[in-house]
N, C-alpha and C. Protein backbone atom coordinates (compact mmCIF):
# COMPACT_ATOMS: atom_id res chain seq x y z
N MET A 1 76.98 86.19 85.24
CA MET A 1 77.32 87.21 86.20
C MET A 1 77.85 88.43 85.45
N ALA A 2 77.31 89.58 85.73
CA ALA A 2 77.68 90.81 85.03
C ALA A 2 78.92 91.42 85.65
N LEU A 3 79.77 92.04 84.84
CA LEU A 3 80.94 92.77 85.32
C LEU A 3 80.54 94.23 85.45
N VAL A 4 80.80 94.82 86.60
CA VAL A 4 80.44 96.21 86.84
C VAL A 4 81.72 97.03 86.90
N ASP A 5 81.79 98.12 86.14
CA ASP A 5 82.95 99.01 86.16
C ASP A 5 82.73 100.04 87.26
N VAL A 6 83.53 99.94 88.34
CA VAL A 6 83.40 100.83 89.49
C VAL A 6 84.41 101.95 89.33
N THR A 7 84.02 103.20 89.50
CA THR A 7 84.94 104.32 89.40
C THR A 7 85.24 104.89 90.77
N ASP A 8 86.29 105.71 90.87
CA ASP A 8 86.69 106.29 92.15
C ASP A 8 85.51 106.92 92.87
N GLY A 9 85.38 106.61 94.16
CA GLY A 9 84.35 107.21 94.99
C GLY A 9 82.98 106.56 94.86
N GLN A 10 82.81 105.66 93.90
CA GLN A 10 81.51 105.02 93.70
C GLN A 10 81.42 103.79 94.59
N ALA A 11 80.33 103.65 95.32
CA ALA A 11 80.09 102.46 96.13
C ALA A 11 79.09 101.58 95.39
N THR A 12 79.38 100.29 95.31
CA THR A 12 78.52 99.35 94.62
C THR A 12 78.24 98.19 95.56
N ASN A 13 76.99 97.81 95.72
CA ASN A 13 76.64 96.71 96.59
C ASN A 13 77.13 95.40 95.99
N LEU A 14 77.66 94.51 96.82
CA LEU A 14 78.22 93.24 96.37
C LEU A 14 77.21 92.43 95.57
N SER A 15 75.95 92.48 95.95
CA SER A 15 74.95 91.69 95.24
C SER A 15 74.74 92.21 93.81
N GLN A 16 75.04 93.49 93.57
CA GLN A 16 74.94 94.06 92.23
C GLN A 16 76.17 93.73 91.40
N ALA A 17 77.33 93.71 92.04
CA ALA A 17 78.58 93.61 91.30
C ALA A 17 79.04 92.18 91.03
N GLY A 18 78.65 91.23 91.84
CA GLY A 18 79.16 89.89 91.65
C GLY A 18 80.61 89.81 92.08
N ARG A 19 81.49 89.20 91.26
CA ARG A 19 82.89 89.02 91.61
C ARG A 19 83.75 90.14 91.05
N VAL A 20 83.87 91.25 91.71
CA VAL A 20 84.73 92.33 91.27
C VAL A 20 85.98 92.31 92.14
N LEU A 21 87.14 92.14 91.54
CA LEU A 21 88.38 92.11 92.29
C LEU A 21 89.18 93.40 92.12
N MET A 22 89.11 93.98 90.94
CA MET A 22 89.82 95.21 90.64
C MET A 22 88.85 96.19 90.02
N GLY A 23 89.09 97.45 90.21
CA GLY A 23 88.25 98.48 89.62
C GLY A 23 89.11 99.50 88.91
N LYS A 24 88.61 100.09 87.87
CA LYS A 24 89.35 101.08 87.09
C LYS A 24 89.09 102.47 87.66
N GLY A 25 90.15 103.14 88.07
CA GLY A 25 90.03 104.47 88.65
C GLY A 25 89.96 105.55 87.58
N THR A 26 89.75 106.78 88.02
CA THR A 26 89.70 107.91 87.09
C THR A 26 91.06 108.15 86.44
N ASP A 27 92.11 107.53 86.99
CA ASP A 27 93.44 107.64 86.38
C ASP A 27 93.66 106.57 85.31
N SER A 28 92.60 105.84 84.97
CA SER A 28 92.61 104.76 83.96
C SER A 28 93.45 103.56 84.37
N LYS A 29 93.84 103.47 85.63
CA LYS A 29 94.58 102.32 86.14
C LYS A 29 93.63 101.49 86.99
N TYR A 30 93.96 100.20 87.11
CA TYR A 30 93.14 99.31 87.94
C TYR A 30 93.66 99.31 89.37
N HIS A 31 92.73 99.35 90.32
CA HIS A 31 93.06 99.39 91.74
C HIS A 31 92.27 98.30 92.46
N PRO A 32 92.85 97.77 93.57
CA PRO A 32 92.09 96.78 94.34
C PRO A 32 90.80 97.40 94.88
N VAL A 33 89.78 96.60 94.94
CA VAL A 33 88.50 97.07 95.44
C VAL A 33 88.42 96.74 96.92
N ALA A 34 88.06 97.73 97.75
CA ALA A 34 87.88 97.52 99.18
C ALA A 34 86.45 97.07 99.44
N VAL A 35 86.28 96.16 100.39
CA VAL A 35 84.96 95.65 100.75
C VAL A 35 84.75 95.93 102.24
N ASP A 36 83.65 96.61 102.58
CA ASP A 36 83.40 96.85 103.99
C ASP A 36 82.59 95.70 104.58
N ALA A 37 82.32 95.76 105.89
CA ALA A 37 81.61 94.67 106.57
C ALA A 37 80.21 94.45 106.02
N GLY A 38 79.62 95.47 105.39
CA GLY A 38 78.28 95.34 104.82
C GLY A 38 78.29 94.81 103.40
N GLY A 39 79.49 94.48 102.87
CA GLY A 39 79.58 93.96 101.51
C GLY A 39 79.61 95.04 100.45
N ASN A 40 79.80 96.30 100.83
CA ASN A 40 79.87 97.39 99.86
C ASN A 40 81.28 97.52 99.31
N LEU A 41 81.38 97.74 98.02
CA LEU A 41 82.67 97.84 97.33
C LEU A 41 83.01 99.29 97.05
N SER A 42 84.31 99.60 97.07
CA SER A 42 84.76 100.95 96.78
C SER A 42 86.21 100.89 96.33
N LEU A 43 86.64 101.88 95.56
CA LEU A 43 88.05 101.97 95.19
C LEU A 43 88.85 102.74 96.22
N SER A 44 88.22 103.11 97.32
CA SER A 44 88.89 103.80 98.40
C SER A 44 89.95 102.88 98.99
N SER A 45 91.03 103.48 99.49
CA SER A 45 92.08 102.67 100.11
C SER A 45 91.72 102.26 101.53
N ILE A 46 90.61 102.78 102.05
CA ILE A 46 90.17 102.39 103.38
C ILE A 46 88.74 101.85 103.29
N PRO A 47 88.36 100.96 104.19
CA PRO A 47 87.01 100.41 104.16
C PRO A 47 85.95 101.48 104.45
N GLY A 48 84.75 101.24 103.96
CA GLY A 48 83.63 102.14 104.25
C GLY A 48 83.41 102.26 105.74
N GLY A 49 83.12 103.44 106.21
CA GLY A 49 82.87 103.68 107.63
C GLY A 49 84.13 103.93 108.44
N ALA A 50 85.30 103.79 107.83
CA ALA A 50 86.56 104.01 108.54
C ALA A 50 86.92 105.49 108.53
N THR A 51 87.73 105.89 109.50
CA THR A 51 88.22 107.26 109.60
C THR A 51 89.72 107.24 109.33
N THR A 52 90.18 108.06 108.38
CA THR A 52 91.60 108.16 108.07
C THR A 52 92.35 108.81 109.22
N VAL A 53 93.53 108.28 109.56
CA VAL A 53 94.39 108.88 110.59
C VAL A 53 95.80 109.00 110.05
N ILE A 54 96.46 110.11 110.39
CA ILE A 54 97.84 110.36 109.98
C ILE A 54 98.59 110.89 111.19
N GLY A 55 99.79 110.38 111.40
CA GLY A 55 100.63 110.87 112.48
C GLY A 55 101.97 111.28 111.91
N SER A 56 102.53 112.39 112.37
CA SER A 56 103.81 112.86 111.87
C SER A 56 104.63 113.45 113.00
N SER A 57 105.93 113.23 112.93
CA SER A 57 106.83 113.76 113.96
C SER A 57 107.15 115.22 113.73
N GLY A 58 106.98 115.69 112.50
CA GLY A 58 107.53 117.00 112.16
C GLY A 58 109.03 116.85 112.01
N ASN A 59 109.72 117.90 111.68
CA ASN A 59 111.16 117.86 111.46
C ASN A 59 111.88 117.94 112.80
N VAL A 60 112.78 116.97 113.07
CA VAL A 60 113.55 116.98 114.31
C VAL A 60 115.04 116.93 114.00
N ALA A 61 115.85 117.50 114.87
CA ALA A 61 117.30 117.52 114.71
C ALA A 61 117.94 116.62 115.75
N ASN A 62 118.58 115.55 115.31
CA ASN A 62 119.28 114.59 116.17
C ASN A 62 118.48 114.21 117.41
N ALA A 63 117.23 113.84 117.18
CA ALA A 63 116.33 113.36 118.23
C ALA A 63 115.44 112.30 117.60
N SER A 64 114.75 111.55 118.41
CA SER A 64 113.83 110.54 117.87
C SER A 64 112.68 111.21 117.14
N ALA A 65 112.40 110.74 115.94
CA ALA A 65 111.24 111.20 115.17
C ALA A 65 110.13 110.19 115.42
N VAL A 66 109.03 110.64 116.03
CA VAL A 66 107.97 109.74 116.46
C VAL A 66 106.65 110.13 115.81
N ALA A 67 106.04 109.20 115.11
CA ALA A 67 104.72 109.39 114.51
C ALA A 67 103.75 108.45 115.19
N THR A 68 102.63 108.98 115.69
CA THR A 68 101.67 108.17 116.44
C THR A 68 100.31 108.18 115.76
N LEU A 69 99.77 106.99 115.53
CA LEU A 69 98.37 106.83 115.12
C LEU A 69 97.64 106.50 116.41
N ALA A 70 96.94 107.48 116.97
CA ALA A 70 96.33 107.35 118.29
C ALA A 70 95.23 106.30 118.31
N GLY A 71 95.04 105.70 119.45
CA GLY A 71 93.93 104.78 119.65
C GLY A 71 92.66 105.56 119.96
N THR A 72 91.51 104.98 119.68
CA THR A 72 90.22 105.59 119.96
C THR A 72 89.32 104.55 120.62
N SER A 73 88.60 104.97 121.63
CA SER A 73 87.72 104.07 122.37
C SER A 73 86.74 103.36 121.43
N GLY A 74 86.69 102.04 121.54
CA GLY A 74 85.75 101.23 120.77
C GLY A 74 86.15 101.00 119.33
N LYS A 75 87.34 101.47 118.91
CA LYS A 75 87.78 101.28 117.53
C LYS A 75 89.18 100.68 117.50
N THR A 76 89.48 100.00 116.40
CA THR A 76 90.82 99.45 116.20
C THR A 76 91.53 100.33 115.18
N THR A 77 92.78 100.67 115.48
CA THR A 77 93.61 101.46 114.57
C THR A 77 94.41 100.51 113.69
N TYR A 78 94.47 100.80 112.39
CA TYR A 78 95.22 100.02 111.41
C TYR A 78 96.28 100.91 110.79
N ILE A 79 97.46 100.38 110.53
CA ILE A 79 98.50 101.11 109.81
C ILE A 79 98.53 100.59 108.37
N THR A 80 98.56 101.50 107.41
CA THR A 80 98.63 101.11 106.00
C THR A 80 99.99 101.41 105.39
N GLY A 81 100.79 102.25 106.06
CA GLY A 81 102.12 102.55 105.56
C GLY A 81 102.82 103.59 106.41
N PHE A 82 104.12 103.81 106.10
CA PHE A 82 104.89 104.83 106.82
C PHE A 82 106.05 105.30 105.94
N GLN A 83 106.59 106.47 106.28
CA GLN A 83 107.73 107.03 105.60
C GLN A 83 108.73 107.52 106.64
N LEU A 84 110.03 107.28 106.38
CA LEU A 84 111.11 107.73 107.26
C LEU A 84 112.12 108.48 106.41
N THR A 85 112.55 109.65 106.86
CA THR A 85 113.58 110.39 106.15
C THR A 85 114.58 110.92 107.17
N ALA A 86 115.83 111.06 106.75
CA ALA A 86 116.87 111.63 107.61
C ALA A 86 117.99 112.14 106.72
N SER A 87 118.67 113.19 107.18
CA SER A 87 119.81 113.72 106.41
C SER A 87 120.76 114.46 107.32
N GLY A 88 121.99 114.57 106.88
CA GLY A 88 122.98 115.40 107.55
C GLY A 88 123.88 114.71 108.54
N SER A 89 123.61 113.46 108.89
CA SER A 89 124.43 112.79 109.89
C SER A 89 125.85 112.64 109.39
N THR A 90 126.82 113.07 110.19
CA THR A 90 128.22 113.00 109.79
C THR A 90 128.83 111.62 110.01
N LEU A 91 128.21 110.80 110.87
CA LEU A 91 128.74 109.47 111.16
C LEU A 91 128.01 108.36 110.41
N GLY A 92 126.82 108.61 109.93
CA GLY A 92 126.06 107.57 109.23
C GLY A 92 125.77 106.37 110.11
N LEU A 93 125.20 106.61 111.28
CA LEU A 93 124.92 105.53 112.23
C LEU A 93 123.84 104.58 111.72
N ASP A 94 123.99 103.30 112.07
CA ASP A 94 122.90 102.35 111.86
C ASP A 94 121.90 102.57 112.97
N VAL A 95 120.65 102.77 112.62
CA VAL A 95 119.60 102.91 113.62
C VAL A 95 118.49 101.92 113.29
N THR A 96 117.75 101.50 114.28
CA THR A 96 116.63 100.59 114.07
C THR A 96 115.33 101.34 114.29
N ALA A 97 114.59 101.51 113.23
CA ALA A 97 113.27 102.14 113.34
C ALA A 97 112.30 101.08 113.83
N THR A 98 111.38 101.48 114.69
CA THR A 98 110.41 100.52 115.21
C THR A 98 108.99 100.96 114.90
N ILE A 99 108.18 100.00 114.58
CA ILE A 99 106.75 100.19 114.37
C ILE A 99 106.10 99.16 115.27
N THR A 100 105.22 99.58 116.15
CA THR A 100 104.62 98.69 117.13
C THR A 100 104.54 97.25 116.62
N GLY A 101 105.40 96.39 117.14
CA GLY A 101 105.38 94.98 116.75
C GLY A 101 106.22 94.64 115.52
N LEU A 102 106.80 95.64 114.85
CA LEU A 102 107.63 95.40 113.67
C LEU A 102 108.94 96.16 113.83
N THR A 103 110.00 95.74 113.13
CA THR A 103 111.23 96.52 113.12
C THR A 103 111.82 96.57 111.73
N THR A 104 112.53 97.63 111.44
CA THR A 104 113.25 97.76 110.18
C THR A 104 114.53 98.52 110.47
N THR A 105 115.62 98.23 109.76
CA THR A 105 116.89 98.92 109.97
C THR A 105 117.13 99.90 108.85
N MET A 106 117.59 101.11 109.20
CA MET A 106 117.84 102.16 108.24
C MET A 106 119.20 102.77 108.54
N LEU A 107 120.07 102.91 107.55
CA LEU A 107 121.35 103.56 107.71
C LEU A 107 121.13 105.05 107.49
N VAL A 108 121.58 105.87 108.44
CA VAL A 108 121.39 107.33 108.36
C VAL A 108 122.74 107.96 108.05
N PRO A 109 122.95 108.81 107.05
CA PRO A 109 121.93 109.28 106.13
C PRO A 109 121.62 108.21 105.08
N ALA A 110 120.44 108.24 104.59
CA ALA A 110 120.00 107.25 103.61
C ALA A 110 118.89 107.83 102.77
N GLN A 111 118.54 107.10 101.75
CA GLN A 111 117.38 107.48 100.96
C GLN A 111 116.15 107.30 101.83
N PRO A 112 115.10 108.01 101.54
CA PRO A 112 113.88 107.82 102.33
C PRO A 112 113.40 106.37 102.28
N VAL A 113 112.84 105.93 103.38
CA VAL A 113 112.22 104.61 103.45
C VAL A 113 110.72 104.82 103.32
N VAL A 114 110.11 104.22 102.30
CA VAL A 114 108.67 104.36 102.07
C VAL A 114 108.08 102.95 102.04
N VAL A 115 107.16 102.69 102.95
CA VAL A 115 106.56 101.36 103.05
C VAL A 115 105.04 101.50 102.94
N THR A 116 104.46 100.74 102.02
CA THR A 116 103.01 100.61 101.92
C THR A 116 102.69 99.14 102.10
N PHE A 117 101.96 98.82 103.14
CA PHE A 117 101.63 97.42 103.41
C PHE A 117 100.58 96.93 102.42
N PRO A 118 100.70 95.70 101.93
CA PRO A 118 99.71 95.18 100.99
C PRO A 118 98.33 95.01 101.64
N HIS A 119 98.32 94.82 102.95
CA HIS A 119 97.07 94.72 103.71
C HIS A 119 97.25 95.53 104.99
N PRO A 120 96.24 96.26 105.43
CA PRO A 120 96.36 97.02 106.67
C PRO A 120 96.70 96.10 107.84
N ILE A 121 97.54 96.62 108.76
CA ILE A 121 97.94 95.85 109.93
C ILE A 121 97.27 96.47 111.16
N PRO A 122 96.47 95.68 111.89
CA PRO A 122 95.76 96.23 113.05
C PRO A 122 96.65 96.35 114.28
N ALA A 123 96.28 97.28 115.15
CA ALA A 123 96.91 97.36 116.47
C ALA A 123 96.56 96.08 117.23
N SER A 124 97.26 95.83 118.31
CA SER A 124 97.06 94.59 119.06
C SER A 124 95.70 94.50 119.74
N ALA A 125 95.01 95.64 119.91
CA ALA A 125 93.69 95.65 120.54
C ALA A 125 93.00 96.96 120.21
N ALA A 126 91.71 97.02 120.46
CA ALA A 126 90.96 98.27 120.28
C ALA A 126 91.53 99.32 121.23
N ASN A 127 91.40 100.59 120.85
CA ASN A 127 91.88 101.72 121.65
C ASN A 127 93.37 101.63 121.95
N THR A 128 94.16 101.10 120.99
CA THR A 128 95.60 100.97 121.14
C THR A 128 96.29 101.76 120.04
N ALA A 129 97.24 102.60 120.42
CA ALA A 129 97.98 103.41 119.45
C ALA A 129 99.00 102.56 118.69
N ILE A 130 99.33 102.99 117.49
CA ILE A 130 100.44 102.42 116.73
C ILE A 130 101.49 103.53 116.63
N VAL A 131 102.72 103.23 117.04
CA VAL A 131 103.77 104.24 117.10
C VAL A 131 104.93 103.85 116.19
N VAL A 132 105.33 104.78 115.33
CA VAL A 132 106.48 104.61 114.45
C VAL A 132 107.59 105.50 114.98
N THR A 133 108.77 104.93 115.28
CA THR A 133 109.86 105.71 115.85
C THR A 133 111.14 105.52 115.05
N LEU A 134 111.75 106.62 114.64
CA LEU A 134 113.07 106.63 114.02
C LEU A 134 114.01 107.27 115.03
N PRO A 135 114.94 106.49 115.63
CA PRO A 135 115.84 107.06 116.64
C PRO A 135 116.75 108.14 116.07
N ALA A 136 117.37 108.91 116.95
CA ALA A 136 118.33 109.94 116.55
C ALA A 136 119.45 109.30 115.73
N GLY A 137 119.88 110.02 114.70
CA GLY A 137 120.90 109.48 113.79
C GLY A 137 122.31 109.89 114.10
N GLY A 138 122.54 110.62 115.17
CA GLY A 138 123.90 111.02 115.53
C GLY A 138 124.22 112.44 115.11
N GLY A 139 125.43 112.87 115.44
CA GLY A 139 125.87 114.23 115.18
C GLY A 139 125.67 114.67 113.74
N GLY A 140 125.17 115.88 113.57
CA GLY A 140 124.96 116.43 112.24
C GLY A 140 123.62 116.08 111.64
N ASN A 141 122.88 115.19 112.26
CA ASN A 141 121.58 114.80 111.72
C ASN A 141 120.59 115.93 112.01
N THR A 142 120.43 116.82 111.04
CA THR A 142 119.63 118.02 111.25
C THR A 142 118.18 117.88 110.81
N ASN A 143 117.86 116.88 110.02
CA ASN A 143 116.51 116.75 109.50
C ASN A 143 116.08 115.28 109.50
N ALA A 144 115.14 114.96 110.37
CA ALA A 144 114.60 113.61 110.40
C ALA A 144 113.08 113.71 110.58
N THR A 145 112.37 112.84 109.91
CA THR A 145 110.90 112.80 110.06
C THR A 145 110.40 111.36 110.01
N ALA A 146 109.31 111.14 110.69
CA ALA A 146 108.59 109.87 110.61
C ALA A 146 107.12 110.24 110.38
N THR A 147 106.49 109.59 109.43
CA THR A 147 105.08 109.81 109.15
C THR A 147 104.43 108.44 108.99
N ALA A 148 103.23 108.30 109.52
CA ALA A 148 102.48 107.05 109.38
C ALA A 148 101.06 107.38 109.00
N GLN A 149 100.44 106.49 108.25
CA GLN A 149 99.05 106.67 107.91
C GLN A 149 98.31 105.36 108.05
N GLY A 150 97.00 105.49 108.27
CA GLY A 150 96.17 104.32 108.45
C GLY A 150 94.72 104.74 108.60
N PHE A 151 93.96 103.95 109.35
CA PHE A 151 92.56 104.25 109.57
C PHE A 151 92.08 103.60 110.85
N GLN A 152 90.92 104.04 111.32
CA GLN A 152 90.29 103.45 112.50
C GLN A 152 88.91 102.95 112.10
N LEU A 153 88.59 101.79 112.59
CA LEU A 153 87.30 101.17 112.27
C LEU A 153 86.76 100.46 113.49
């Protein structure tokens, strides 16, 4: 079985590549290889045929920061990661950030929370949004954001 060196953006058919688990990117680092339903391999972080989606709350002052990955008819939305930031709160309230079906606790003010899931997490059904919410952090919380990224397939 031949080993095929796959580079960023190059698609290689599974029958040509054999057992490729990691591919070397243009940054000279090895990255996991994505496989689409047709057996095509790529160093892309999303499967072939998928559409990238990003949701962001923008900067909010002492209000809920909400990032939404919208649902689309006939497609399933997947979340691959999210980021939460907040600053300025004079009380440092404990708040619970929620991600559709998941929860995490963040003390505000705090260092940014950056999460990249090892495997994409699908919405509960097709045409279903995934919502990331960071509640208001209390008085003085002048800058809060929630951002989520994923794809639809």
